[in-house]
């Protein structure tokens, strides 16, 4: 009885083992291919490999095997490749590649399903293309507008290599372009010298423009002052002429009064300081009003 139970248990274990060996599951984001005695199982009536989508599948135990691959987008991150530019300067380039499996059968045939081998082959092709593109350009060109052009060329050439491996390159992006410390210092010094030349040129142009503006302003000031002085002299001459005319008209109305007024003004100016001494002849006309006084309106001298 015990021997029968043992045999049944062994048979049950073998059946369970066979069942478990016959069933396999492919999860979401994965696809698989089946190998029968080491050869890829193909679609019936065609030469194409049969691709198994996500789900539960069966296979013949011990005869067939299954290789499952992640068919989602993968990232190949390449760190600090040293590249020489057109200027014979070394730069450190960090970039990454987005890729996925396009043909499982071609991918398996070319790489044996080894992801590391596939990425190594792709990286070698990209490094060759990268060196070629960087060797045609200078550092300022690479860090400015032509960076996108380089990435487009890299993606096109990577797609050619990837298609032979059953892969599809989704995108190629350069993350950073850095200079080694020695190269960075040399580039900085050269850029500093170039910027200094540009600054000196702008400063010289500014000084020349400032001098031209100053000279123009000085010329305008000279012209304005000259015109102002001329206009002032003209107005002053007109005023003096008008004043002389007014004085002449007023003097002609009462000559005796204005003669006295002028004499009094002369006396005021002459005897302004007590320390002044005048030595004059008594018969001088200067003392006429001291001796004779003011004549009357009819020309007769007023009495003392």
C-alpha atoms as a PDB file:
ATOM      1  CA  UNK A   1       0.000   0.000   0.000  1.00  0.00           C
ATOM      2  CA  UNK A   2       2.808   2.344   0.868  1.00  0.00           C
ATOM      3  CA  UNK A   3       4.601   1.488  -2.373  1.00  0.00           C
ATOM      4  CA  UNK A   4       1.457   2.354  -4.374  1.00  0.00           C
ATOM      5  CA  UNK A   5       1.145   5.719  -2.625  1.00  0.00           C
ATOM      6  CA  UNK A   6       4.769   6.427  -3.310  1.00  0.00           C
ATOM      7  CA  UNK A   7       4.373   5.594  -6.997  1.00  0.00           C
ATOM      8  CA  UNK A   8       1.252   7.784  -7.217  1.00  0.00           C
ATOM      9  CA  UNK A   9       3.083  10.632  -5.512  1.00  0.00           C
ATOM     10  CA  UNK A  10       5.988  10.317  -7.944  1.00  0.00           C
ATOM     11  CA  UNK A  11       3.622  10.198 -10.910  1.00  0.00           C
ATOM     12  CA  UNK A  12       1.755  13.243  -9.592  1.00  0.00           C
ATOM     13  CA  UNK A  13       5.005  15.123  -9.116  1.00  0.00           C
ATOM     14  CA  UNK A  14       6.115  14.261 -12.644  1.00  0.00           C
ATOM     15  CA  UNK A  15       2.758  15.368 -14.069  1.00  0.00           C
ATOM     16  CA  UNK A  16       2.927  18.611 -12.095  1.00  0.00           C
ATOM     17  CA  UNK A  17       6.472  19.181 -13.299  1.00  0.00           C
ATOM     18  CA  UNK A  18       5.410  18.559 -16.892  1.00  0.00           C
ATOM     19  CA  UNK A  19       2.448  20.929 -16.537  1.00  0.00           C
ATOM     20  CA  UNK A  20       4.574  23.638 -14.987  1.00  0.00           C
ATOM     21  CA  UNK A  21       7.184  23.160 -17.711  1.00  0.00           C
ATOM     22  CA  UNK A  22       4.473  23.487 -20.348  1.00  0.00           C
ATOM     23  CA  UNK A  23       3.019  26.780 -19.087  1.00  0.00           C
ATOM     24  CA  UNK A  24       4.680  30.176 -19.145  1.00  0.00           C
ATOM     25  CA  UNK A  25       3.500  33.755 -18.716  1.00  0.00           C
ATOM     26  CA  UNK A  26       4.565  36.893 -20.585  1.00  0.00           C
ATOM     27  CA  UNK A  27       3.871  40.092 -18.653  1.00  0.00           C
ATOM     28  CA  UNK A  28       2.754  43.437 -20.018  1.00  0.00           C
ATOM     29  CA  UNK A  29       5.526  45.297 -21.879  1.00  0.00           C
ATOM     30  CA  UNK A  30       7.219  42.048 -22.910  1.00  0.00           C
ATOM     31  CA  UNK A  31       7.139  39.761 -25.922  1.00  0.00           C
ATOM     32  CA  UNK A  32       8.616  36.332 -26.450  1.00  0.00           C
ATOM     33  CA  UNK A  33       9.877  33.945 -29.081  1.00  0.00           C
ATOM     34  CA  UNK A  34       9.848  30.164 -28.868  1.00  0.00           C
ATOM     35  CA  UNK A  35      12.857  27.984 -29.627  1.00  0.00           C
ATOM     36  CA  UNK A  36      12.448  24.362 -30.652  1.00  0.00           C
ATOM     37  CA  UNK A  37      15.701  22.484 -30.234  1.00  0.00           C
ATOM     38  CA  UNK A  38      17.553  25.802 -30.477  1.00  0.00           C
ATOM     39  CA  UNK A  39      15.744  27.007 -33.598  1.00  0.00           C
ATOM     40  CA  UNK A  40      13.210  29.832 -33.725  1.00  0.00           C
ATOM     41  CA  UNK A  41       9.636  28.639 -34.144  1.00  0.00           C
ATOM     42  CA  UNK A  42       8.086  30.349 -37.159  1.00  0.00           C
ATOM     43  CA  UNK A  43       4.548  31.129 -38.190  1.00  0.00           C
ATOM     44  CA  UNK A  44       2.950  28.245 -40.062  1.00  0.00           C
ATOM     45  CA  UNK A  45       3.371  28.639 -43.790  1.00  0.00           C
ATOM     46  CA  UNK A  46       5.708  31.672 -43.479  1.00  0.00           C
ATOM     47  CA  UNK A  47       9.346  32.359 -42.827  1.00  0.00           C
ATOM     48  CA  UNK A  48       8.638  34.863 -40.048  1.00  0.00           C
ATOM     49  CA  UNK A  49       9.305  34.134 -36.405  1.00  0.00           C
ATOM     50  CA  UNK A  50       6.244  33.652 -34.266  1.00  0.00           C
ATOM     51  CA  UNK A  51       6.010  36.432 -31.671  1.00  0.00           C
ATOM     52  CA  UNK A  52       4.118  35.736 -28.462  1.00  0.00           C
ATOM     53  CA  UNK A  53       2.312  38.691 -26.867  1.00  0.00           C
ATOM     54  CA  UNK A  54       1.640  39.179 -23.131  1.00  0.00           C
ATOM     55  CA  UNK A  55      -0.519  36.459 -21.592  1.00  0.00           C
ATOM     56  CA  UNK A  56      -0.530  32.764 -20.694  1.00  0.00           C
ATOM     57  CA  UNK A  57       1.047  30.387 -23.221  1.00  0.00           C
ATOM     58  CA  UNK A  58       2.021  26.717 -23.553  1.00  0.00           C
ATOM     59  CA  UNK A  59       5.065  24.912 -24.892  1.00  0.00           C
ATOM     60  CA  UNK A  60       6.339  21.375 -25.290  1.00  0.00           C
ATOM     61  CA  UNK A  61       8.382  20.513 -22.206  1.00  0.00           C
ATOM     62  CA  UNK A  62      12.074  19.716 -22.616  1.00  0.00           C
ATOM     63  CA  UNK A  63      11.853  20.297 -26.380  1.00  0.00           C
ATOM     64  CA  UNK A  64      10.815  23.921 -26.633  1.00  0.00           C
ATOM     65  CA  UNK A  65      12.144  26.884 -24.691  1.00  0.00           C
ATOM     66  CA  UNK A  66      11.016  30.496 -24.552  1.00  0.00           C
ATOM     67  CA  UNK A  67      13.058  33.716 -24.615  1.00  0.00           C
ATOM     68  CA  UNK A  68      11.243  36.733 -23.221  1.00  0.00           C
ATOM     69  CA  UNK A  69      12.359  40.276 -23.999  1.00  0.00           C
ATOM     70  CA  UNK A  70      11.386  43.691 -22.719  1.00  0.00           C
ATOM     71  CA  UNK A  71      10.018  45.527 -25.778  1.00  0.00           C
ATOM     72  CA  UNK A  72       9.500  48.848 -24.028  1.00  0.00           C
ATOM     73  CA  UNK A  73      11.716  51.869 -24.690  1.00  0.00           C
ATOM     74  CA  UNK A  74      15.150  51.412 -23.113  1.00  0.00           C
ATOM     75  CA  UNK A  75      17.739  54.054 -22.200  1.00  0.00           C
ATOM     76  CA  UNK A  76      21.426  53.701 -23.009  1.00  0.00           C
ATOM     77  CA  UNK A  77      23.250  56.323 -20.927  1.00  0.00           C
ATOM     78  CA  UNK A  78      26.799  56.967 -22.192  1.00  0.00           C
ATOM     79  CA  UNK A  79      29.065  58.832 -19.769  1.00  0.00           C
ATOM     80  CA  UNK A  80      31.863  61.275 -20.597  1.00  0.00           C
ATOM     81  CA  UNK A  81      33.256  60.189 -23.933  1.00  0.00           C
ATOM     82  CA  UNK A  82      36.398  62.194 -24.768  1.00  0.00           C
ATOM     83  CA  UNK A  83      36.012  63.738 -28.245  1.00  0.00           C
ATOM     84  CA  UNK A  84      38.404  65.957 -30.253  1.00  0.00           C
ATOM     85  CA  UNK A  85      36.874  69.013 -31.976  1.00  0.00           C
ATOM     86  CA  UNK A  86      37.895  70.832 -35.147  1.00  0.00           C
ATOM     87  CA  UNK A  87      40.124  73.092 -33.014  1.00  0.00           C
ATOM     88  CA  UNK A  88      42.005  70.016 -31.749  1.00  0.00           C
ATOM     89  CA  UNK A  89      40.504  70.553 -28.305  1.00  0.00           C
ATOM     90  CA  UNK A  90      39.290  67.709 -26.104  1.00  0.00           C
ATOM     91  CA  UNK A  91      35.740  67.828 -24.789  1.00  0.00           C
ATOM     92  CA  UNK A  92      33.812  65.454 -22.543  1.00  0.00           C
ATOM     93  CA  UNK A  93      30.423  64.547 -23.991  1.00  0.00           C
ATOM     94  CA  UNK A  94      27.566  62.960 -22.041  1.00  0.00           C
ATOM     95  CA  UNK A  95      24.669  61.654 -24.130  1.00  0.00           C
ATOM     96  CA  UNK A  96      21.927  59.055 -24.047  1.00  0.00           C
ATOM     97  CA  UNK A  97      20.014  56.944 -26.560  1.00  0.00           C
ATOM     98  CA  UNK A  98      16.373  55.882 -26.377  1.00  0.00           C
ATOM     99  CA  UNK A  99      15.816  52.588 -28.182  1.00  0.00           C
ATOM    100  CA  UNK A 100      13.503  49.608 -28.324  1.00  0.00           C
ATOM    101  CA  UNK A 101      13.348  46.212 -29.993  1.00  0.00           C
ATOM    102  CA  UNK A 102      11.778  46.490 -33.428  1.00  0.00           C
ATOM    103  CA  UNK A 103      12.168  42.875 -34.638  1.00  0.00           C
ATOM    104  CA  UNK A 104      12.574  40.137 -32.062  1.00  0.00           C
ATOM    105  CA  UNK A 105      13.862  37.562 -34.547  1.00  0.00           C
ATOM    106  CA  UNK A 106      16.492  39.927 -36.034  1.00  0.00           C
ATOM    107  CA  UNK A 107      17.449  41.115 -32.568  1.00  0.00           C
ATOM    108  CA  UNK A 108      17.905  37.535 -31.345  1.00  0.00           C
ATOM    109  CA  UNK A 109      19.895  36.510 -34.437  1.00  0.00           C
ATOM    110  CA  UNK A 110      22.212  39.536 -34.266  1.00  0.00           C
ATOM    111  CA  UNK A 111      22.836  39.648 -30.529  1.00  0.00           C
ATOM    112  CA  UNK A 112      21.753  36.261 -29.217  1.00  0.00           C
ATOM    113  CA  UNK A 113      19.277  38.144 -27.034  1.00  0.00           C
ATOM    114  CA  UNK A 114      22.124  39.729 -25.076  1.00  0.00           C
ATOM    115  CA  UNK A 115      21.108  43.321 -24.243  1.00  0.00           C
ATOM    116  CA  UNK A 116      24.655  44.270 -23.176  1.00  0.00           C
ATOM    117  CA  UNK A 117      26.022  43.129 -26.541  1.00  0.00           C
ATOM    118  CA  UNK A 118      23.339  45.079 -28.412  1.00  0.00           C
ATOM    119  CA  UNK A 119      24.030  48.277 -26.480  1.00  0.00           C
ATOM    120  CA  UNK A 120      27.797  47.841 -26.891  1.00  0.00           C
ATOM    121  CA  UNK A 121      27.459  47.548 -30.683  1.00  0.00           C
ATOM    122  CA  UNK A 122      25.156  50.571 -30.784  1.00  0.00           C
ATOM    123  CA  UNK A 123      27.480  52.603 -28.555  1.00  0.00           C
ATOM    124  CA  UNK A 124      30.476  51.840 -30.768  1.00  0.00           C
ATOM    125  CA  UNK A 125      28.611  53.100 -33.833  1.00  0.00           C
ATOM    126  CA  UNK A 126      27.462  56.241 -32.024  1.00  0.00           C
ATOM    127  CA  UNK A 127      30.949  57.019 -30.732  1.00  0.00           C
ATOM    128  CA  UNK A 128      32.341  56.762 -34.264  1.00  0.00           C
ATOM    129  CA  UNK A 129      29.637  59.061 -35.631  1.00  0.00           C
ATOM    130  CA  UNK A 130      30.056  61.450 -32.717  1.00  0.00           C
ATOM    131  CA  UNK A 131      33.802  61.792 -33.283  1.00  0.00           C
ATOM    132  CA  UNK A 132      33.199  62.387 -36.976  1.00  0.00           C
ATOM    133  CA  UNK A 133      30.639  65.152 -36.365  1.00  0.00           C
ATOM    134  CA  UNK A 134      32.599  66.861 -33.592  1.00  0.00           C
ATOM    135  CA  UNK A 135      35.746  66.782 -35.719  1.00  0.00           C
ATOM    136  CA  UNK A 136      33.971  69.006 -38.274  1.00  0.00           C
ATOM    137  CA  UNK A 137      32.894  71.684 -35.788  1.00  0.00           C
ATOM    138  CA  UNK A 138      34.378  74.119 -33.295  1.00  0.00           C
ATOM    139  CA  UNK A 139      33.384  74.342 -29.637  1.00  0.00           C
ATOM    140  CA  UNK A 140      31.314  77.556 -30.073  1.00  0.00           C
ATOM    141  CA  UNK A 141      29.417  75.894 -32.924  1.00  0.00           C
ATOM    142  CA  UNK A 142      28.733  72.773 -30.859  1.00  0.00           C
ATOM    143  CA  UNK A 143      27.346  74.633 -27.855  1.00  0.00           C
ATOM    144  CA  UNK A 144      25.180  76.934 -29.973  1.00  0.00           C
ATOM    145  CA  UNK A 145      22.919  76.350 -32.972  1.00  0.00           C
ATOM    146  CA  UNK A 146      24.632  73.326 -34.532  1.00  0.00           C
ATOM    147  CA  UNK A 147      24.113  71.084 -31.507  1.00  0.00           C
ATOM    148  CA  UNK A 148      20.660  70.043 -32.755  1.00  0.00           C
ATOM    149  CA  UNK A 149      22.118  69.295 -36.191  1.00  0.00           C
ATOM    150  CA  UNK A 150      24.670  66.957 -34.607  1.00  0.00           C
ATOM    151  CA  UNK A 151      21.948  65.090 -32.712  1.00  0.00           C
ATOM    152  CA  UNK A 152      19.857  64.699 -35.886  1.00  0.00           C
ATOM    153  CA  UNK A 153      22.828  63.235 -37.768  1.00  0.00           C
ATOM    154  CA  UNK A 154      23.629  60.906 -34.868  1.00  0.00           C
ATOM    155  CA  UNK A 155      20.063  59.628 -34.770  1.00  0.00           C
ATOM    156  CA  UNK A 156      20.007  58.973 -38.522  1.00  0.00           C
ATOM    157  CA  UNK A 157      23.280  57.038 -38.439  1.00  0.00           C
ATOM    158  CA  UNK A 158      22.278  55.187 -35.260  1.00  0.00           C
ATOM    159  CA  UNK A 159      19.051  54.071 -36.930  1.00  0.00           C
ATOM    160  CA  UNK A 160      21.043  52.492 -39.771  1.00  0.00           C
ATOM    161  CA  UNK A 161      23.160  50.496 -37.324  1.00  0.00           C
ATOM    162  CA  UNK A 162      20.191  49.647 -35.101  1.00  0.00           C
ATOM    163  CA  UNK A 163      18.098  48.355 -38.017  1.00  0.00           C
ATOM    164  CA  UNK A 164      20.749  45.688 -38.624  1.00  0.00           C
ATOM    165  CA  UNK A 165      20.383  44.593 -34.997  1.00  0.00           C
ATOM    166  CA  UNK A 166      16.582  44.465 -35.026  1.00  0.00           C
ATOM    167  CA  UNK A 167      16.421  47.659 -32.951  1.00  0.00           C
ATOM    168  CA  UNK A 168      14.786  51.052 -33.445  1.00  0.00           C
ATOM    169  CA  UNK A 169      16.394  54.272 -32.171  1.00  0.00           C
ATOM    170  CA  UNK A 170      13.723  56.591 -30.801  1.00  0.00           C
ATOM    171  CA  UNK A 171      15.974  59.531 -29.903  1.00  0.00           C
ATOM    172  CA  UNK A 172      19.573  60.605 -29.360  1.00  0.00           C
ATOM    173  CA  UNK A 173      20.268  63.513 -27.006  1.00  0.00           C
ATOM    174  CA  UNK A 174      23.464  65.224 -25.901  1.00  0.00           C
ATOM    175  CA  UNK A 175      23.125  66.032 -22.199  1.00  0.00           C
ATOM    176  CA  UNK A 176      26.290  68.047 -21.746  1.00  0.00           C
ATOM    177  CA  UNK A 177      29.512  69.167 -23.363  1.00  0.00           C
ATOM    178  CA  UNK A 178      32.234  69.907 -20.843  1.00  0.00           C
ATOM    179  CA  UNK A 179      35.841  70.928 -21.169  1.00  0.00           C
ATOM    180  CA  UNK A 180      38.745  69.354 -19.295  1.00  0.00           C
ATOM    181  CA  UNK A 181      40.267  71.747 -16.762  1.00  0.00           C
ATOM    182  CA  UNK A 182      43.302  72.607 -18.920  1.00  0.00           C
ATOM    183  CA  UNK A 183      41.237  73.116 -22.058  1.00  0.00           C
ATOM    184  CA  UNK A 184      38.594  75.057 -20.172  1.00  0.00           C
ATOM    185  CA  UNK A 185      41.158  77.514 -18.809  1.00  0.00           C
ATOM    186  CA  UNK A 186      42.711  78.057 -22.263  1.00  0.00           C
ATOM    187  CA  UNK A 187      39.310  78.613 -23.860  1.00  0.00           C
ATOM    188  CA  UNK A 188      38.333  80.981 -21.064  1.00  0.00           C
ATOM    189  CA  UNK A 189      41.479  83.053 -21.484  1.00  0.00           C
ATOM    190  CA  UNK A 190      40.972  83.277 -25.240  1.00  0.00           C
ATOM    191  CA  UNK A 191      37.324  84.231 -24.868  1.00  0.00           C
ATOM    192  CA  UNK A 192      38.301  86.813 -22.278  1.00  0.00           C
ATOM    193  CA  UNK A 193      40.852  88.328 -24.670  1.00  0.00           C
ATOM    194  CA  UNK A 194      38.261  88.371 -27.474  1.00  0.00           C
ATOM    195  CA  UNK A 195      35.683  90.013 -25.237  1.00  0.00           C
ATOM    196  CA  UNK A 196      38.269  92.583 -24.126  1.00  0.00           C
ATOM    197  CA  UNK A 197      38.974  93.470 -27.768  1.00  0.00           C
ATOM    198  CA  UNK A 198      35.281  93.878 -28.432  1.00  0.00           C
ATOM    199  CA  UNK A 199      34.868  96.008 -25.291  1.00  0.00           C
ATOM    200  CA  UNK A 200      37.811  98.227 -26.277  1.00  0.00           C
ATOM    201  CA  UNK A 201      36.381  98.663 -29.759  1.00  0.00           C
ATOM    202  CA  UNK A 202      32.976  99.620 -28.372  1.00  0.00           C
ATOM    203  CA  UNK A 203      34.623 101.939 -25.871  1.00  0.00           C
ATOM    204  CA  UNK A 204      36.643 103.642 -28.634  1.00  0.00           C
ATOM    205  CA  UNK A 205      33.512 103.989 -30.782  1.00  0.00           C
ATOM    206  CA  UNK A 206      31.673 105.433 -27.799  1.00  0.00           C
ATOM    207  CA  UNK A 207      34.439 107.929 -27.065  1.00  0.00           C
ATOM    208  CA  UNK A 208      34.522 109.025 -30.714  1.00  0.00           C
ATOM    209  CA  UNK A 209      30.753 109.460 -30.737  1.00  0.00           C
ATOM    210  CA  UNK A 210      30.916 111.379 -27.433  1.00  0.00           C
ATOM    211  CA  UNK A 211      33.600 113.703 -28.800  1.00  0.00           C
ATOM    212  CA  UNK A 212      31.561 114.325 -31.953  1.00  0.00           C
ATOM    213  CA  UNK A 213      28.475 115.100 -29.882  1.00  0.00           C
ATOM    214  CA  UNK A 214      30.506 117.379 -27.588  1.00  0.00           C
ATOM    215  CA  UNK A 215      32.039 119.212 -30.545  1.00  0.00           C
ATOM    216  CA  UNK A 216      28.635 119.639 -32.141  1.00  0.00           C
ATOM    217  CA  UNK A 217      27.195 120.925 -28.858  1.00  0.00           C
ATOM    218  CA  UNK A 218      30.115 123.356 -28.404  1.00  0.00           C
ATOM    219  CA  UNK A 219      29.628 124.682 -31.945  1.00  0.00           C
ATOM    220  CA  UNK A 220      25.916 125.180 -31.305  1.00  0.00           C
ATOM    221  CA  UNK A 221      26.670 126.948 -27.995  1.00  0.00           C
ATOM    222  CA  UNK A 222      29.163 129.265 -29.723  1.00  0.00           C
ATOM    223  CA  UNK A 223      26.646 130.084 -32.449  1.00  0.00           C
ATOM    224  CA  UNK A 224      23.840 130.670 -29.924  1.00  0.00           C
ATOM    225  CA  UNK A 225      26.057 132.888 -27.746  1.00  0.00           C
ATOM    226  CA  UNK A 226      27.255 134.850 -30.762  1.00  0.00           C
ATOM    227  CA  UNK A 227      23.718 135.349 -32.011  1.00  0.00           C
ATOM    228  CA  UNK A 228      22.612 136.298 -28.501  1.00  0.00           C
ATOM    229  CA  UNK A 229      25.416 138.827 -28.094  1.00  0.00           C
ATOM    230  CA  UNK A 230      24.687 140.330 -31.497  1.00  0.00           C
ATOM    231  CA  UNK A 231      20.995 140.524 -30.711  1.00  0.00           C
ATOM    232  CA  UNK A 232      21.796 142.016 -27.288  1.00  0.00           C
ATOM    233  CA  UNK A 233      24.100 144.639 -28.779  1.00  0.00           C
ATOM    234  CA  UNK A 234      21.469 145.476 -31.387  1.00  0.00           C
ATOM    235  CA  UNK A 235      18.753 145.822 -28.741  1.00  0.00           C
ATOM    236  CA  UNK A 236      21.084 147.845 -26.534  1.00  0.00           C
ATOM    237  CA  UNK A 237      21.971 150.165 -29.424  1.00  0.00           C
ATOM    238  CA  UNK A 238      18.306 150.598 -30.256  1.00  0.00           C
ATOM    239  CA  UNK A 239      17.582 151.301 -26.598  1.00  0.00           C
ATOM    240  CA  UNK A 240      20.388 153.800 -26.327  1.00  0.00           C
ATOM    241  CA  UNK A 241      19.244 155.497 -29.509  1.00  0.00           C
ATOM    242  CA  UNK A 242      15.670 155.593 -28.254  1.00  0.00           C
ATOM    243  CA  UNK A 243      16.852 156.905 -24.875  1.00  0.00           C
ATOM    244  CA  UNK A 244      18.968 159.571 -26.582  1.00  0.00           C
ATOM    245  CA  UNK A 245      15.950 160.550 -28.662  1.00  0.00           C
ATOM    246  CA  UNK A 246      13.788 160.797 -25.511  1.00  0.00           C
ATOM    247  CA  UNK A 247      16.465 162.811 -23.724  1.00  0.00           C
ATOM    248  CA  UNK A 248      16.786 165.084 -26.716  1.00  0.00           C
ATOM    249  CA  UNK A 249      13.039 165.653 -26.890  1.00  0.00           C
ATOM    250  CA  UNK A 250      12.843 166.309 -23.155  1.00  0.00           C
ATOM    251  CA  UNK A 251      15.902 168.607 -23.291  1.00  0.00           C
ATOM    252  CA  UNK A 252      14.404 170.609 -26.129  1.00  0.00           C
ATOM    253  CA  UNK A 253      11.247 171.291 -24.113  1.00  0.00           C
ATOM    254  CA  UNK A 254      13.121 173.057 -21.222  1.00  0.00           C
ATOM    255  CA  UNK A 255      16.785 173.570 -21.923  1.00  0.00           C
ATOM    256  CA  UNK A 256      17.430 175.679 -18.831  1.00  0.00           C
ATOM    257  CA  UNK A 257      16.053 173.059 -16.473  1.00  0.00           C
ATOM    258  CA  UNK A 258      18.036 170.228 -17.993  1.00  0.00           C
ATOM    259  CA  UNK A 259      21.184 172.359 -18.001  1.00  0.00           C
ATOM    260  CA  UNK A 260      20.715 172.911 -14.264  1.00  0.00           C
ATOM    261  CA  UNK A 261      19.943 169.203 -13.746  1.00  0.00           C
ATOM    262  CA  UNK A 262      23.137 168.187 -15.477  1.00  0.00           C
ATOM    263  CA  UNK A 263      25.166 170.657 -13.486  1.00  0.00           C
ATOM    264  CA  UNK A 264      23.666 169.428 -10.210  1.00  0.00           C
ATOM    265  CA  UNK A 265      24.488 165.851 -11.174  1.00  0.00           C
ATOM    266  CA  UNK A 266      28.030 166.967 -11.944  1.00  0.00           C
ATOM    267  CA  UNK A 267      28.259 168.737  -8.559  1.00  0.00           C
ATOM    268  CA  UNK A 268      26.929 165.594  -6.830  1.00  0.00           C
ATOM    269  CA  UNK A 269      29.513 163.382  -8.490  1.00  0.00           C
ATOM    270  CA  UNK A 270      32.353 165.861  -7.956  1.00  0.00           C
ATOM    271  CA  UNK A 271      31.742 166.569  -4.271  1.00  0.00           C
ATOM    272  CA  UNK A 272      30.810 163.007  -3.331  1.00  0.00           C
ATOM    273  CA  UNK A 273      33.878 162.513  -1.113  1.00  0.00           C
ATOM    274  CA  UNK A 274      35.007 165.062   1.490  1.00  0.00           C
ATOM    275  CA  UNK A 275      38.604 164.148   0.846  1.00  0.00           C
ATOM    276  CA  UNK A 276      38.452 165.156  -2.834  1.00  0.00           C
ATOM    277  CA  UNK A 277      40.163 168.434  -3.764  1.00  0.00           C
ATOM    278  CA  UNK A 278      39.337 170.312  -6.958  1.00  0.00           C
ATOM    279  CA  UNK A 279      41.592 173.079  -8.208  1.00  0.00           C
ATOM    280  CA  UNK A 280      39.532 175.153 -10.687  1.00  0.00           C
ATOM    281  CA  UNK A 281      39.480 178.687 -12.008  1.00  0.00           C
ATOM    282  CA  UNK A 282      36.676 180.729 -10.454  1.00  0.00           C
ATOM    283  CA  UNK A 283      35.749 182.044 -13.843  1.00  0.00           C
ATOM    284  CA  UNK A 284      35.167 178.474 -15.075  1.00  0.00           C
ATOM    285  CA  UNK A 285      31.697 177.643 -16.393  1.00  0.00           C
ATOM    286  CA  UNK A 286      31.572 174.891 -13.788  1.00  0.00           C
ATOM    287  CA  UNK A 287      30.715 177.511 -11.107  1.00  0.00           C
ATOM    288  CA  UNK A 288      28.166 179.484 -13.133  1.00  0.00           C
ATOM    289  CA  UNK A 289      25.226 178.343 -11.001  1.00  0.00           C
ATOM    290  CA  UNK A 290      27.164 179.163  -7.834  1.00  0.00           C
ATOM    291  CA  UNK A 291      27.688 182.749  -8.999  1.00  0.00           C
ATOM    292  CA  UNK A 292      24.571 183.560 -11.037  1.00  0.00           C
ATOM    293  CA  UNK A 293      21.883 181.016 -10.010  1.00  0.00           C
ATOM    294  CA  UNK A 294      19.157 179.767 -12.292  1.00  0.00           C
ATOM    295  CA  UNK A 295      17.898 182.048 -15.044  1.00  0.00           C
ATOM    296  CA  UNK A 296      14.180 182.776 -15.179  1.00  0.00           C
ATOM    297  CA  UNK A 297      11.935 181.484 -17.810  1.00  0.00           C
ATOM    298  CA  UNK A 298      12.447 184.700 -19.807  1.00  0.00           C
ATOM    299  CA  UNK A 299      16.215 184.312 -19.685  1.00  0.00           C
ATOM    300  CA  UNK A 300      16.815 186.801 -16.768  1.00  0.00           C
ATOM    301  CA  UNK A 301      18.891 185.413 -13.908  1.00  0.00           C
ATOM    302  CA  UNK A 302      16.993 184.856 -10.692  1.00  0.00           C
ATOM    303  CA  UNK A 303      17.927 187.051  -7.778  1.00  0.00           C
ATOM    304  CA  UNK A 304      20.029 185.801  -4.889  1.00  0.00           C
END
